[in-house]
Amino acid sequence: MQEALCDLTSIFFILSQLDLVEYIIAQTKANLHHIDNILAIWSEQLAVIPGYDGVRNAINDLKLSEAGTEVHGISQVFTGAVYDSLADIFNASKNPDFRDDAETLFLVSQYILQLIVKSVINSPDIKASFADVANEMIRISKEDGHQDYAEFIRINFIYREILTSDGEKSPFNDFSRLVADYTGCCGTLNGAAVSK
């Protein structure tokens, strides 16, 4: 969960700057799934990981069953589900006759950011899963009167194999028997992995 939240922090930090949001709208022509998108693609100093070039992309089709054990790969599944939900909600909210696309993206992103923060806070204190956070996002958005947002979130998290169609935790979401690969992670995670 930590790696995914770090990725999402980068995305939502960019979206908190209206001038950068305007640039993203211009760069992508208001299509967040546009391939050349600075919002979705970023790099880390992870070239030390075999087979990993350090580039992560929130625009991906990765599912939990395909993610392997490397924590950055696993994090891309959750990040991708949130990013796709953001893009879907933004597309559904666009109304250029009423509000500029940049302002719409800014407002939608602020809502999604608050939704994630509340969902993480409301999830179990110990061993919170991607499914716990996803279900909280769905519940809160419904409570807020955003049934359509909840449906976009539900569909994207089902597609990523985080949730089942009935909202349960997918079997692929169970990392209890998984020994995660922390190679290339920050010292904090490497220290935690080594001490076990």
Protein backbone atom coordinates (compact mmCIF):
# COMPACT_ATOMS: atom_id res chain seq x y z
CA MET A 1 0.00 0.00 0.00
CA GLN A 2 2.86 2.38 0.85
CA GLU A 3 4.32 2.40 -2.67
CA ALA A 4 0.91 3.01 -4.28
CA LEU A 5 0.22 5.91 -1.92
CA CYS A 6 3.61 7.40 -2.79
CA ASP A 7 2.78 7.16 -6.50
CA LEU A 8 -0.63 8.73 -5.94
CA THR A 9 0.92 11.52 -3.86
CA SER A 10 3.00 12.48 -6.90
CA ILE A 11 -0.05 12.50 -9.15
CA PHE A 12 -2.25 14.49 -6.79
CA PHE A 13 0.54 16.95 -5.97
CA ILE A 14 0.76 17.78 -9.68
CA LEU A 15 -3.03 18.10 -9.84
CA SER A 16 -3.03 20.55 -6.92
CA GLN A 17 -1.18 23.11 -9.07
CA LEU A 18 -3.67 24.78 -11.43
CA ASP A 19 -0.97 25.87 -13.89
CA LEU A 20 0.21 22.25 -14.20
CA VAL A 21 -3.39 21.07 -14.59
CA GLU A 22 -3.82 23.57 -17.44
CA TYR A 23 -0.61 22.23 -19.03
CA ILE A 24 -1.86 18.62 -18.72
CA ILE A 25 -5.19 19.55 -20.32
CA ALA A 26 -3.35 21.22 -23.22
CA GLN A 27 -0.81 18.40 -23.55
CA THR A 28 -3.43 15.62 -23.56
CA LYS A 29 -6.27 17.55 -25.22
CA ALA A 30 -8.28 16.71 -22.07
CA ASN A 31 -7.76 12.95 -22.54
CA LEU A 32 -6.00 11.61 -19.44
CA HIS A 33 -5.30 8.33 -21.23
CA HIS A 34 -3.20 10.13 -23.86
CA ILE A 35 0.09 8.29 -24.16
CA ASP A 36 2.34 11.39 -23.76
CA ASN A 37 1.14 12.41 -20.35
CA ILE A 38 3.47 13.80 -17.68
CA LEU A 39 0.82 13.17 -15.06
CA ALA A 40 0.78 9.41 -15.59
CA ILE A 41 4.47 8.70 -16.24
CA TRP A 42 7.28 9.29 -13.79
CA SER A 43 10.66 7.78 -13.00
CA GLU A 44 12.56 6.65 -9.96
CA GLN A 45 16.16 5.76 -9.40
CA LEU A 46 15.34 2.05 -9.63
CA ALA A 47 17.61 0.95 -12.44
CA VAL A 48 19.30 -1.42 -9.97
CA ILE A 49 16.30 -3.76 -10.12
CA PRO A 50 16.82 -6.43 -12.79
CA GLY A 51 14.27 -5.96 -15.57
CA TYR A 52 13.04 -2.66 -14.14
CA ASP A 53 13.99 0.57 -15.89
CA GLY A 54 12.67 2.87 -13.15
CA VAL A 55 9.76 4.20 -15.16
CA ARG A 56 6.29 3.77 -13.72
CA ASN A 57 3.13 4.54 -15.61
CA ALA A 58 -0.33 4.97 -14.11
CA ILE A 59 -1.73 4.20 -17.57
CA ASN A 60 -1.39 0.46 -17.54
CA ASP A 61 -3.54 -2.66 -17.77
CA LEU A 62 -1.77 -4.53 -14.98
CA LYS A 63 -3.91 -6.86 -12.84
CA LEU A 64 -2.99 -8.36 -9.48
CA SER A 65 -2.62 -11.81 -11.01
CA GLU A 66 0.07 -10.38 -13.31
CA ALA A 67 1.91 -8.12 -10.86
CA GLY A 68 4.39 -10.61 -9.45
CA THR A 69 6.00 -9.98 -6.06
CA GLU A 70 8.01 -6.82 -6.65
CA VAL A 71 6.34 -4.07 -4.59
CA HIS A 72 6.58 -1.43 -7.32
CA GLY A 73 4.78 -3.73 -9.76
CA ILE A 74 2.09 -4.50 -7.20
CA SER A 75 1.66 -0.79 -6.46
CA GLN A 76 1.04 -0.04 -10.14
CA VAL A 77 -2.15 -2.11 -9.98
CA PHE A 78 -3.72 0.09 -7.29
CA THR A 79 -2.32 3.27 -8.82
CA GLY A 80 -3.72 2.26 -12.21
CA ALA A 81 -7.17 1.59 -10.74
CA VAL A 82 -7.25 4.99 -9.05
CA TYR A 83 -5.90 6.75 -12.15
CA ASP A 84 -8.48 5.08 -14.40
CA SER A 85 -11.22 6.07 -11.94
CA LEU A 86 -9.96 9.65 -11.94
CA ALA A 87 -9.91 9.71 -15.76
CA ASP A 88 -13.39 8.19 -16.02
CA ILE A 89 -14.88 10.59 -13.48
CA PHE A 90 -13.18 13.54 -15.16
CA ASN A 91 -14.54 12.47 -18.58
CA ALA A 92 -18.05 12.13 -17.17
CA SER A 93 -17.79 15.52 -15.44
CA LYS A 94 -16.55 17.53 -18.42
CA ASN A 95 -18.90 20.28 -19.51
CA PRO A 96 -16.89 22.98 -21.32
CA ASP A 97 -19.97 25.20 -21.72
CA PHE A 98 -20.25 25.39 -17.94
CA ARG A 99 -16.66 25.05 -16.67
CA ASP A 100 -13.17 24.98 -18.17
CA ASP A 101 -11.71 21.44 -18.42
CA ALA A 102 -8.71 22.42 -16.29
CA GLU A 103 -10.97 23.63 -13.49
CA THR A 104 -13.06 20.45 -13.77
CA LEU A 105 -9.96 18.25 -13.53
CA PHE A 106 -8.70 20.28 -10.57
CA LEU A 107 -12.03 19.91 -8.72
CA VAL A 108 -12.42 16.21 -9.53
CA SER A 109 -8.86 15.48 -8.46
CA GLN A 110 -9.35 17.29 -5.14
CA TYR A 111 -12.45 15.19 -4.47
CA ILE A 112 -10.66 11.92 -5.37
CA LEU A 113 -7.69 12.89 -3.17
CA GLN A 114 -10.00 13.52 -0.20
CA LEU A 115 -11.77 10.25 -0.96
CA ILE A 116 -8.49 8.31 -0.85
CA VAL A 117 -7.35 9.97 2.38
CA LYS A 118 -10.69 9.28 4.11
CA SER A 119 -10.68 5.70 2.79
CA VAL A 120 -7.18 5.00 4.08
CA ILE A 121 -8.07 6.48 7.47
CA ASN A 122 -11.25 4.37 7.64
CA SER A 123 -9.47 1.15 6.63
CA PRO A 124 -8.15 -1.32 9.22
CA ASP A 125 -5.16 -0.06 11.19
CA ILE A 126 -3.25 -3.28 10.60
CA LYS A 127 -2.87 -5.06 7.25
CA ALA A 128 -5.24 -2.82 5.31
CA SER A 129 -5.64 -4.24 1.84
CA PHE A 130 -6.22 -2.61 -1.51
CA ALA A 131 -9.76 -4.03 -1.30
CA ASP A 132 -10.38 -2.34 2.07
CA VAL A 133 -9.46 1.04 0.63
CA ALA A 134 -11.40 0.45 -2.61
CA ASN A 135 -14.56 -0.53 -0.73
CA GLU A 136 -14.26 2.56 1.47
CA MET A 137 -13.88 4.73 -1.63
CA ILE A 138 -17.07 3.21 -3.04
CA ARG A 139 -18.96 3.56 0.24
CA ILE A 140 -17.95 7.19 0.83
CA SER A 141 -18.67 8.30 -2.73
CA LYS A 142 -22.15 6.76 -2.46
CA GLU A 143 -22.68 8.53 0.87
CA ASP A 144 -21.65 11.78 -0.81
CA GLY A 145 -24.36 11.24 -3.43
CA HIS A 146 -21.94 10.26 -6.21
CA GLN A 147 -23.39 6.93 -7.33
CA ASP A 148 -21.77 7.40 -10.73
CA TYR A 149 -18.32 7.92 -9.16
CA ALA A 150 -18.82 4.80 -7.04
CA GLU A 151 -19.64 2.77 -10.15
CA PHE A 152 -16.52 3.96 -12.01
CA ILE A 153 -14.40 3.05 -8.98
CA ARG A 154 -16.09 -0.35 -8.59
CA ILE A 155 -15.57 -1.25 -12.27
CA ASN A 156 -11.91 -0.23 -12.27
CA PHE A 157 -11.09 -2.14 -9.08
CA ILE A 158 -12.88 -5.24 -10.36
CA TYR A 159 -10.94 -5.03 -13.64
CA ARG A 160 -7.65 -4.87 -11.69
CA GLU A 161 -8.65 -7.99 -9.68
CA ILE A 162 -8.64 -6.05 -6.43
CA LEU A 163 -12.38 -6.65 -5.92
CA THR A 164 -14.72 -9.36 -7.13
CA SER A 165 -17.96 -8.44 -8.88
CA ASP A 166 -19.83 -8.69 -5.56
CA GLY A 167 -17.40 -6.27 -3.86
CA GLU A 168 -15.43 -8.88 -1.96
CA LYS A 169 -11.65 -8.97 -1.75
CA SER A 170 -10.32 -10.82 -4.77
CA PRO A 171 -8.22 -13.93 -4.03
CA PHE A 172 -5.36 -12.16 -5.83
CA ASN A 173 -5.54 -9.43 -3.18
CA ASP A 174 -4.33 -11.80 -0.47
CA PHE A 175 -0.65 -11.12 0.04
CA SER A 176 -0.44 -13.00 3.37
CA ARG A 177 1.54 -15.90 1.86
CA LEU A 178 3.49 -13.64 -0.47
CA VAL A 179 7.08 -12.76 0.30
CA ALA A 180 7.32 -9.32 -1.28
CA ASP A 181 10.44 -8.36 -3.17
CA TYR A 182 11.73 -5.07 -1.74
CA THR A 183 14.82 -4.95 -3.96
CA GLY A 184 15.48 -1.34 -4.90
CA CYS A 185 13.12 0.12 -2.31
CA CYS A 186 14.04 2.87 0.07
CA GLY A 187 16.21 2.04 3.09
CA THR A 188 13.19 1.97 5.39
CA LEU A 189 11.52 -0.88 3.52
CA ASN A 190 14.79 -2.73 2.97
CA GLY A 191 15.54 -2.48 6.69
CA ALA A 192 12.10 -3.83 7.54
CA ALA A 193 12.47 -6.70 5.10
CA VAL A 194 15.95 -7.58 6.37
CA SER A 195 14.96 -7.54 10.03
CA LYS A 196 12.22 -10.17 9.56
